Amino acid sequence: WLTSLDRYKGRCYHIEPVPEEESQFIAYVAYPLDLFEEGYVTNMFTFIVGNVFGFKVVRALRPEDLRIPPTYTKTFQAPPHGIQVERDRLNKYGH
């Protein structure tokens, strides 16, 4: 069913305490890849961050890492002139 909520849920598959930090944890959450339309990285980030930050029980949250399967990253469109041209244009070089 398209309206089945189970299909849209993220799965927390591992939780571990933050070393030397009381009451802080690292949670590993996975979402089904078929939820995300190919090539739309912005929508993917909005969906993931919006879902997690929307939980009332979460008082503070800091995303640490995002792993995207290579098959999905291959669907992203690169800048039309290449990354170096875009970096030159924006004067941003990752330093």
PDB file of N, CA and C in Angstrom:
ATOM      1  N   TRP A   1       0.827  -1.186   0.000  1.00  0.00           N
ATOM      2  CA  TRP A   1       0.000   0.000   0.000  1.00  0.00           C
ATOM      3  C   TRP A   1       0.864   1.240   0.000  1.00  0.00           C
ATOM      4  N   LEU A   2       0.505   2.186  -0.792  1.00  0.00           N
ATOM      5  CA  LEU A   2       1.256   3.432  -0.840  1.00  0.00           C
ATOM      6  C   LEU A   2       1.152   4.192   0.480  1.00  0.00           C
ATOM      7  N   THR A   3       0.042   4.041   1.186  1.00  0.00           N
ATOM      8  CA  THR A   3      -0.154   4.789   2.426  1.00  0.00           C
ATOM      9  C   THR A   3       0.374   4.058   3.657  1.00  0.00           C
ATOM     10  N   SER A   4       0.987   2.924   3.497  1.00  0.00           N
ATOM     11  CA  SER A   4       1.530   2.196   4.638  1.00  0.00           C
ATOM     12  C   SER A   4       2.696   2.966   5.239  1.00  0.00           C
ATOM     13  N   LEU A   5       2.572   3.354   6.507  1.00  0.00           N
ATOM     14  CA  LEU A   5       3.619   4.140   7.159  1.00  0.00           C
ATOM     15  C   LEU A   5       4.901   3.350   7.371  1.00  0.00           C
ATOM     16  N   ASP A   6       4.806   2.042   7.468  1.00  0.00           N
ATOM     17  CA  ASP A   6       6.008   1.234   7.668  1.00  0.00           C
ATOM     18  C   ASP A   6       7.013   1.440   6.540  1.00  0.00           C
ATOM     19  N   ARG A   7       6.532   1.680   5.360  1.00  0.00           N
ATOM     20  CA  ARG A   7       7.409   1.872   4.200  1.00  0.00           C
ATOM     21  C   ARG A   7       8.250   3.141   4.331  1.00  0.00           C
ATOM     22  N   TYR A   8       7.753   4.144   5.037  1.00  0.00           N
ATOM     23  CA  TYR A   8       8.417   5.442   5.113  1.00  0.00           C
ATOM     24  C   TYR A   8       9.277   5.624   6.355  1.00  0.00           C
ATOM     25  N   LYS A   9       9.290   4.661   7.230  1.00  0.00           N
ATOM     26  CA  LYS A   9      10.020   4.801   8.486  1.00  0.00           C
ATOM     27  C   LYS A   9      11.513   4.562   8.302  1.00  0.00           C
ATOM     28  N   GLY A  10      12.293   5.380   8.994  1.00  0.00           N
ATOM     29  CA  GLY A  10      13.715   5.093   9.102  1.00  0.00           C
ATOM     30  C   GLY A  10      13.894   4.001  10.140  1.00  0.00           C
ATOM     31  N   ARG A  11      14.976   3.296  10.051  1.00  0.00           N
ATOM     32  CA  ARG A  11      15.263   2.217  11.002  1.00  0.00           C
ATOM     33  C   ARG A  11      16.523   2.554  11.780  1.00  0.00           C
ATOM     34  N   CYS A  12      16.402   2.618  13.091  1.00  0.00           N
ATOM     35  CA  CYS A  12      17.572   2.797  13.943  1.00  0.00           C
ATOM     36  C   CYS A  12      18.153   1.409  14.164  1.00  0.00           C
ATOM     37  N   TYR A  13      19.316   1.160  13.582  1.00  0.00           N
ATOM     38  CA  TYR A  13      19.876  -0.189  13.639  1.00  0.00           C
ATOM     39  C   TYR A  13      21.020  -0.331  14.636  1.00  0.00           C
ATOM     40  N   HIS A  14      21.440   0.774  15.243  1.00  0.00           N
ATOM     41  CA  HIS A  14      22.509   0.668  16.243  1.00  0.00           C
ATOM     42  C   HIS A  14      22.536   1.951  17.077  1.00  0.00           C
ATOM     43  N   ILE A  15      22.727   1.803  18.378  1.00  0.00           N
ATOM     44  CA  ILE A  15      22.889   2.938  19.287  1.00  0.00           C
ATOM     45  C   ILE A  15      24.087   2.647  20.169  1.00  0.00           C
ATOM     46  N   GLU A  16      24.950   3.651  20.328  1.00  0.00           N
ATOM     47  CA  GLU A  16      26.103   3.477  21.211  1.00  0.00           C
ATOM     48  C   GLU A  16      26.308   4.760  22.018  1.00  0.00           C
ATOM     49  N   PRO A  17      26.784   4.640  23.249  1.00  0.00           N
ATOM     50  CA  PRO A  17      27.021   5.835  24.065  1.00  0.00           C
ATOM     51  C   PRO A  17      28.211   6.638  23.539  1.00  0.00           C
ATOM     52  N   VAL A  18      28.135   7.954  23.718  1.00  0.00           N
ATOM     53  CA  VAL A  18      29.266   8.817  23.383  1.00  0.00           C
ATOM     54  C   VAL A  18      30.271   8.698  24.524  1.00  0.00           C
ATOM     55  N   PRO A  19      31.520   8.362  24.219  1.00  0.00           N
ATOM     56  CA  PRO A  19      32.518   8.200  25.281  1.00  0.00           C
ATOM     57  C   PRO A  19      32.660   9.463  26.137  1.00  0.00           C
ATOM     58  N   GLU A  20      32.631   9.271  27.432  1.00  0.00           N
ATOM     59  CA  GLU A  20      32.814  10.337  28.421  1.00  0.00           C
ATOM     60  C   GLU A  20      31.750  11.428  28.365  1.00  0.00           C
ATOM     61  N   GLU A  21      30.601  11.143  27.797  1.00  0.00           N
ATOM     62  CA  GLU A  21      29.494  12.105  27.741  1.00  0.00           C
ATOM     63  C   GLU A  21      28.236  11.436  28.280  1.00  0.00           C
ATOM     64  N   GLU A  22      27.826  11.834  29.461  1.00  0.00           N
ATOM     65  CA  GLU A  22      26.656  11.233  30.090  1.00  0.00           C
ATOM     66  C   GLU A  22      25.384  11.618  29.333  1.00  0.00           C
ATOM     67  N   SER A  23      24.526  10.677  29.136  1.00  0.00           N
ATOM     68  CA  SER A  23      23.223  10.861  28.486  1.00  0.00           C
ATOM     69  C   SER A  23      23.322  11.319  27.030  1.00  0.00           C
ATOM     70  N   GLN A  24      24.428  11.002  26.358  1.00  0.00           N
ATOM     71  CA  GLN A  24      24.551  11.306  24.937  1.00  0.00           C
ATOM     72  C   GLN A  24      24.849  10.018  24.185  1.00  0.00           C
ATOM     73  N   PHE A  25      24.238   9.900  23.017  1.00  0.00           N
ATOM     74  CA  PHE A  25      24.341   8.665  22.257  1.00  0.00           C
ATOM     75  C   PHE A  25      24.531   8.958  20.776  1.00  0.00           C
ATOM     76  N   ILE A  26      25.107   8.012  20.088  1.00  0.00           N
ATOM     77  CA  ILE A  26      25.194   8.042  18.632  1.00  0.00           C
ATOM     78  C   ILE A  26      24.189   7.016  18.124  1.00  0.00           C
ATOM     79  N   ALA A  27      23.279   7.471  17.282  1.00  0.00           N
ATOM     80  CA  ALA A  27      22.261   6.582  16.716  1.00  0.00           C
ATOM     81  C   ALA A  27      22.513   6.444  15.219  1.00  0.00           C
ATOM     82  N   TYR A  28      22.470   5.232  14.749  1.00  0.00           N
ATOM     83  CA  TYR A  28      22.645   4.933  13.325  1.00  0.00           C
ATOM     84  C   TYR A  28      21.267   4.651  12.741  1.00  0.00           C
ATOM     85  N   VAL A  29      20.865   5.459  11.767  1.00  0.00           N
ATOM     86  CA  VAL A  29      19.527   5.362  11.191  1.00  0.00           C
ATOM     87  C   VAL A  29      19.656   5.133   9.684  1.00  0.00           C
ATOM     88  N   ALA A  30      18.855   4.228   9.155  1.00  0.00           N
ATOM     89  CA  ALA A  30      18.849   3.945   7.714  1.00  0.00           C
ATOM     90  C   ALA A  30      17.437   4.145   7.171  1.00  0.00           C
ATOM     91  N   TYR A  31      17.368   4.634   5.958  1.00  0.00           N
ATOM     92  CA  TYR A  31      16.093   4.807   5.267  1.00  0.00           C
ATOM     93  C   TYR A  31      16.106   3.967   3.998  1.00  0.00           C
ATOM     94  N   PRO A  32      14.947   3.451   3.582  1.00  0.00           N
ATOM     95  CA  PRO A  32      14.888   2.700   2.324  1.00  0.00           C
ATOM     96  C   PRO A  32      15.242   3.617   1.151  1.00  0.00           C
ATOM     97  N   LEU A  33      16.134   3.176   0.303  1.00  0.00           N
ATOM     98  CA  LEU A  33      16.608   3.991  -0.813  1.00  0.00           C
ATOM     99  C   LEU A  33      15.496   4.335  -1.800  1.00  0.00           C
ATOM    100  N   ASP A  34      14.509   3.473  -1.922  1.00  0.00           N
ATOM    101  CA  ASP A  34      13.448   3.742  -2.901  1.00  0.00           C
ATOM    102  C   ASP A  34      12.529   4.889  -2.492  1.00  0.00           C
ATOM    103  N   LEU A  35      12.736   5.476  -1.315  1.00  0.00           N
ATOM    104  CA  LEU A  35      11.966   6.656  -0.914  1.00  0.00           C
ATOM    105  C   LEU A  35      12.422   7.908  -1.654  1.00  0.00           C
ATOM    106  N   PHE A  36      13.640   7.885  -2.160  1.00  0.00           N
ATOM    107  CA  PHE A  36      14.243   9.085  -2.711  1.00  0.00           C
ATOM    108  C   PHE A  36      14.288   9.033  -4.232  1.00  0.00           C
ATOM    109  N   GLU A  37      13.818  10.114  -4.840  1.00  0.00           N
ATOM    110  CA  GLU A  37      13.837  10.202  -6.296  1.00  0.00           C
ATOM    111  C   GLU A  37      15.272  10.387  -6.773  1.00  0.00           C
ATOM    112  N   GLU A  38      15.638   9.684  -7.797  1.00  0.00           N
ATOM    113  CA  GLU A  38      17.008   9.749  -8.313  1.00  0.00           C
ATOM    114  C   GLU A  38      17.387  11.168  -8.713  1.00  0.00           C
ATOM    115  N   GLY A  39      18.600  11.563  -8.347  1.00  0.00           N
ATOM    116  CA  GLY A  39      19.147  12.838  -8.774  1.00  0.00           C
ATOM    117  C   GLY A  39      18.755  14.042  -7.946  1.00  0.00           C
ATOM    118  N   TYR A  40      17.947  13.873  -6.917  1.00  0.00           N
ATOM    119  CA  TYR A  40      17.473  15.004  -6.130  1.00  0.00           C
ATOM    120  C   TYR A  40      18.082  14.986  -4.732  1.00  0.00           C
ATOM    121  N   VAL A  41      19.339  15.380  -4.642  1.00  0.00           N
ATOM    122  CA  VAL A  41      20.055  15.339  -3.372  1.00  0.00           C
ATOM    123  C   VAL A  41      19.415  16.278  -2.346  1.00  0.00           C
ATOM    124  N   THR A  42      18.920  17.425  -2.765  1.00  0.00           N
ATOM    125  CA  THR A  42      18.297  18.370  -1.837  1.00  0.00           C
ATOM    126  C   THR A  42      17.079  17.761  -1.173  1.00  0.00           C
ATOM    127  N   ASN A  43      16.243  17.095  -1.944  1.00  0.00           N
ATOM    128  CA  ASN A  43      15.057  16.459  -1.374  1.00  0.00           C
ATOM    129  C   ASN A  43      15.442  15.360  -0.392  1.00  0.00           C
ATOM    130  N   MET A  44      16.507  14.634  -0.693  1.00  0.00           N
ATOM    131  CA  MET A  44      16.953  13.569   0.202  1.00  0.00           C
ATOM    132  C   MET A  44      17.382  14.152   1.547  1.00  0.00           C
ATOM    133  N   PHE A  45      18.203  15.207   1.523  1.00  0.00           N
ATOM    134  CA  PHE A  45      18.645  15.826   2.769  1.00  0.00           C
ATOM    135  C   PHE A  45      17.467  16.389   3.555  1.00  0.00           C
ATOM    136  N   THR A  46      16.540  17.055   2.866  1.00  0.00           N
ATOM    137  CA  THR A  46      15.367  17.622   3.525  1.00  0.00           C
ATOM    138  C   THR A  46      14.545  16.536   4.195  1.00  0.00           C
ATOM    139  N   PHE A  47      14.343  15.431   3.516  1.00  0.00           N
ATOM    140  CA  PHE A  47      13.567  14.324   4.069  1.00  0.00           C
ATOM    141  C   PHE A  47      14.235  13.766   5.323  1.00  0.00           C
ATOM    142  N   ILE A  48      15.527  13.485   5.238  1.00  0.00           N
ATOM    143  CA  ILE A  48      16.237  12.863   6.360  1.00  0.00           C
ATOM    144  C   ILE A  48      16.303  13.802   7.554  1.00  0.00           C
ATOM    145  N   VAL A  49      16.772  15.002   7.348  1.00  0.00           N
ATOM    146  CA  VAL A  49      16.921  15.944   8.456  1.00  0.00           C
ATOM    147  C   VAL A  49      15.558  16.354   8.997  1.00  0.00           C
ATOM    148  N   GLY A  50      14.591  16.576   8.129  1.00  0.00           N
ATOM    149  CA  GLY A  50      13.253  16.950   8.577  1.00  0.00           C
ATOM    150  C   GLY A  50      12.599  15.879   9.421  1.00  0.00           C
ATOM    151  N   ASN A  51      12.761  14.629   9.043  1.00  0.00           N
ATOM    152  CA  ASN A  51      12.181  13.537   9.824  1.00  0.00           C
ATOM    153  C   ASN A  51      12.791  13.450  11.206  1.00  0.00           C
ATOM    154  N   VAL A  52      14.102  13.492  11.293  1.00  0.00           N
ATOM    155  CA  VAL A  52      14.772  13.308  12.575  1.00  0.00           C
ATOM    156  C   VAL A  52      14.578  14.519  13.472  1.00  0.00           C
ATOM    157  N   PHE A  53      14.730  15.724  12.948  1.00  0.00           N
ATOM    158  CA  PHE A  53      14.582  16.918  13.767  1.00  0.00           C
ATOM    159  C   PHE A  53      13.131  17.150  14.179  1.00  0.00           C
ATOM    160  N   GLY A  54      12.198  16.498  13.523  1.00  0.00           N
ATOM    161  CA  GLY A  54      10.795  16.653  13.861  1.00  0.00           C
ATOM    162  C   GLY A  54      10.346  15.874  15.085  1.00  0.00           C
ATOM    163  N   PHE A  55      11.188  15.022  15.634  1.00  0.00           N
ATOM    164  CA  PHE A  55      10.812  14.239  16.808  1.00  0.00           C
ATOM    165  C   PHE A  55      10.784  15.132  18.042  1.00  0.00           C
ATOM    166  N   LYS A  56       9.651  15.196  18.733  1.00  0.00           N
ATOM    167  CA  LYS A  56       9.537  16.023  19.933  1.00  0.00           C
ATOM    168  C   LYS A  56      10.446  15.550  21.058  1.00  0.00           C
ATOM    169  N   VAL A  57      10.711  14.254  21.121  1.00  0.00           N
ATOM    170  CA  VAL A  57      11.528  13.724  22.216  1.00  0.00           C
ATOM    171  C   VAL A  57      13.013  14.039  22.041  1.00  0.00           C
ATOM    172  N   VAL A  58      13.406  14.475  20.867  1.00  0.00           N
ATOM    173  CA  VAL A  58      14.811  14.806  20.623  1.00  0.00           C
ATOM    174  C   VAL A  58      15.038  16.256  21.045  1.00  0.00           C
ATOM    175  N   ARG A  59      15.838  16.446  22.107  1.00  0.00           N
ATOM    176  CA  ARG A  59      16.105  17.801  22.601  1.00  0.00           C
ATOM    177  C   ARG A  59      17.273  18.464  21.872  1.00  0.00           C
ATOM    178  N   ALA A  60      18.231  17.682  21.461  1.00  0.00           N
ATOM    179  CA  ALA A  60      19.394  18.217  20.746  1.00  0.00           C
ATOM    180  C   ALA A  60      19.888  17.148  19.783  1.00  0.00           C
ATOM    181  N   LEU A  61      20.330  17.596  18.638  1.00  0.00           N
ATOM    182  CA  LEU A  61      20.751  16.641  17.622  1.00  0.00           C
ATOM    183  C   LEU A  61      21.797  17.288  16.726  1.00  0.00           C
ATOM    184  N   ARG A  62      22.799  16.516  16.382  1.00  0.00           N
ATOM    185  CA  ARG A  62      23.820  16.987  15.450  1.00  0.00           C
ATOM    186  C   ARG A  62      24.126  15.861  14.473  1.00  0.00           C
ATOM    187  N   PRO A  63      23.733  16.019  13.211  1.00  0.00           N
ATOM    188  CA  PRO A  63      24.104  14.996  12.228  1.00  0.00           C
ATOM    189  C   PRO A  63      25.624  14.931  12.107  1.00  0.00           C
ATOM    190  N   GLU A  64      26.160  13.731  12.157  1.00  0.00           N
ATOM    191  CA  GLU A  64      27.612  13.532  12.120  1.00  0.00           C
ATOM    192  C   GLU A  64      28.101  13.012  10.777  1.00  0.00           C
ATOM    193  N   ASP A  65      27.317  12.175  10.141  1.00  0.00           N
ATOM    194  CA  ASP A  65      27.792  11.511   8.934  1.00  0.00           C
ATOM    195  C   ASP A  65      26.587  11.098   8.100  1.00  0.00           C
ATOM    196  N   LEU A  66      26.765  11.077   6.815  1.00  0.00           N
ATOM    197  CA  LEU A  66      25.720  10.619   5.909  1.00  0.00           C
ATOM    198  C   LEU A  66      26.387   9.739   4.869  1.00  0.00           C
ATOM    199  N   ARG A  67      25.923   8.533   4.778  1.00  0.00           N
ATOM    200  CA  ARG A  67      26.476   7.593   3.795  1.00  0.00           C
ATOM    201  C   ARG A  67      25.424   7.318   2.737  1.00  0.00           C
ATOM    202  N   ILE A  68      25.820   7.535   1.507  1.00  0.00           N
ATOM    203  CA  ILE A  68      24.903   7.373   0.382  1.00  0.00           C
ATOM    204  C   ILE A  68      25.455   6.273  -0.514  1.00  0.00           C
ATOM    205  N   PRO A  69      24.637   5.286  -0.864  1.00  0.00           N
ATOM    206  CA  PRO A  69      25.118   4.204  -1.732  1.00  0.00           C
ATOM    207  C   PRO A  69      25.626   4.748  -3.072  1.00  0.00           C
ATOM    208  N   PRO A  70      26.743   4.217  -3.566  1.00  0.00           N
ATOM    209  CA  PRO A  70      27.298   4.682  -4.851  1.00  0.00           C
ATOM    210  C   PRO A  70      26.296   4.628  -6.007  1.00  0.00           C
ATOM    211  N   THR A  71      25.417   3.650  -6.014  1.00  0.00           N
ATOM    212  CA  THR A  71      24.433   3.570  -7.101  1.00  0.00           C
ATOM    213  C   THR A  71      23.521   4.788  -7.100  1.00  0.00           C
ATOM    214  N   TYR A  72      23.257   5.350  -5.915  1.00  0.00           N
ATOM    215  CA  TYR A  72      22.406   6.540  -5.830  1.00  0.00           C
ATOM    216  C   TYR A  72      23.196   7.808  -6.158  1.00  0.00           C
ATOM    217  N   THR A  73      24.443   7.909  -5.701  1.00  0.00           N
ATOM    218  CA  THR A  73      25.232   9.114  -5.983  1.00  0.00           C
ATOM    219  C   THR A  73      25.494   9.275  -7.477  1.00  0.00           C
ATOM    220  N   LYS A  74      25.516   8.188  -8.209  1.00  0.00           N
ATOM    221  CA  LYS A  74      25.731   8.270  -9.659  1.00  0.00           C
ATOM    222  C   LYS A  74      24.575   8.956 -10.376  1.00  0.00           C
ATOM    223  N   THR A  75      23.426   9.095  -9.723  1.00  0.00           N
ATOM    224  CA  THR A  75      22.276   9.753 -10.345  1.00  0.00           C
ATOM    225  C   THR A  75      22.324  11.272 -10.173  1.00  0.00           C
ATOM    226  N   PHE A  76      23.230  11.791  -9.336  1.00  0.00           N
ATOM    227  CA  PHE A  76      23.327  13.233  -9.116  1.00  0.00           C
ATOM    228  C   PHE A  76      23.957  13.902 -10.333  1.00  0.00           C
ATOM    229  N   GLN A  77      23.415  15.037 -10.707  1.00  0.00           N
ATOM    230  CA  GLN A  77      23.953  15.813 -11.822  1.00  0.00           C
ATOM    231  C   GLN A  77      25.131  16.658 -11.334  1.00  0.00           C
ATOM    232  N   ALA A  78      26.202  16.643 -12.053  1.00  0.00           N
ATOM    233  CA  ALA A  78      27.353  17.491 -11.732  1.00  0.00           C
ATOM    234  C   ALA A  78      27.092  18.900 -12.258  1.00  0.00           C
ATOM    235  N   PRO A  79      27.814  19.896 -11.749  1.00  0.00           N
ATOM    236  CA  PRO A  79      27.672  21.242 -12.319  1.00  0.00           C
ATOM    237  C   PRO A  79      27.963  21.202 -13.822  1.00  0.00           C
ATOM    238  N   PRO A  80      27.242  21.969 -14.634  1.00  0.00           N
ATOM    239  CA  PRO A  80      27.380  21.875 -16.087  1.00  0.00           C
ATOM    240  C   PRO A  80      28.773  22.224 -16.613  1.00  0.00           C
ATOM    241  N   HIS A  81      29.540  23.036 -15.875  1.00  0.00           N
ATOM    242  CA  HIS A  81      30.867  23.447 -16.342  1.00  0.00           C
ATOM    243  C   HIS A  81      31.982  22.710 -15.625  1.00  0.00           C
ATOM    244  N   GLY A  82      31.654  21.827 -14.720  1.00  0.00           N
ATOM    245  CA  GLY A  82      32.678  21.120 -13.955  1.00  0.00           C
ATOM    246  C   GLY A  82      32.901  21.755 -12.593  1.00  0.00           C
ATOM    247  N   ILE A  83      33.361  20.972 -11.668  1.00  0.00           N
ATOM    248  CA  ILE A  83      33.515  21.428 -10.291  1.00  0.00           C
ATOM    249  C   ILE A  83      34.566  22.527 -10.154  1.00  0.00           C
ATOM    250  N   GLN A  84      35.650  22.463 -10.936  1.00  0.00           N
ATOM    251  CA  GLN A  84      36.700  23.486 -10.810  1.00  0.00           C
ATOM    252  C   GLN A  84      36.179  24.863 -11.210  1.00  0.00           C
ATOM    253  N   VAL A  85      35.388  24.937 -12.272  1.00  0.00           N
ATOM    254  CA  VAL A  85      34.801  26.213 -12.697  1.00  0.00           C
ATOM    255  C   VAL A  85      33.887  26.752 -11.607  1.00  0.00           C
ATOM    256  N   GLU A  86      33.090  25.891 -10.999  1.00  0.00           N
ATOM    257  CA  GLU A  86      32.193  26.325  -9.926  1.00  0.00           C
ATOM    258  C   GLU A  86      32.981  26.817  -8.715  1.00  0.00           C
ATOM    259  N   ARG A  87      34.050  26.128  -8.350  1.00  0.00           N
ATOM    260  CA  ARG A  87      34.886  26.574  -7.228  1.00  0.00           C
ATOM    261  C   ARG A  87      35.525  27.927  -7.535  1.00  0.00           C
ATOM    262  N   ASP A  88      36.024  28.104  -8.745  1.00  0.00           N
ATOM    263  CA  ASP A  88      36.617  29.385  -9.132  1.00  0.00           C
ATOM    264  C   ASP A  88      35.579  30.499  -9.065  1.00  0.00           C
ATOM    265  N   ARG A  89      34.404  30.215  -9.561  1.00  0.00           N
ATOM    266  CA  ARG A  89      33.315  31.191  -9.574  1.00  0.00           C
ATOM    267  C   ARG A  89      32.938  31.633  -8.157  1.00  0.00           C
ATOM    268  N   LEU A  90      32.879  30.675  -7.239  1.00  0.00           N
ATOM    269  CA  LEU A  90      32.469  30.952  -5.857  1.00  0.00           C
ATOM    270  C   LEU A  90      33.642  31.263  -4.934  1.00  0.00           C
ATOM    271  N   ASN A  91      34.856  31.106  -5.449  1.00  0.00           N
ATOM    272  CA  ASN A  91      36.068  31.288  -4.650  1.00  0.00           C
ATOM    273  C   ASN A  91      36.046  30.382  -3.417  1.00  0.00           C
ATOM    274  N   LYS A  92      35.651  29.142  -3.624  1.00  0.00           N
ATOM    275  CA  LYS A  92      35.584  28.147  -2.542  1.00  0.00           C
ATOM    276  C   LYS A  92      36.400  26.931  -2.951  1.00  0.00           C
ATOM    277  N   TYR A  93      37.395  26.613  -2.141  1.00  0.00           N
ATOM    278  CA  TYR A  93      38.302  25.530  -2.490  1.00  0.00           C
ATOM    279  C   TYR A  93      38.432  24.474  -1.401  1.00  0.00           C
ATOM    280  N   GLY A  94      37.565  24.501  -0.404  1.00  0.00           N
ATOM    281  CA  GLY A  94      37.582  23.469   0.629  1.00  0.00           C
ATOM    282  C   GLY A  94      38.701  23.602   1.631  1.00  0.00           C
ATOM    283  N   HIS A  95      39.235  24.794   1.789  1.00  0.00           N
ATOM    284  CA  HIS A  95      40.319  25.009   2.762  1.00  0.00           C
ATOM    285  C   HIS A  95      39.748  25.519   4.053  1.00  0.00           C
TER     286      HIS A  95
END
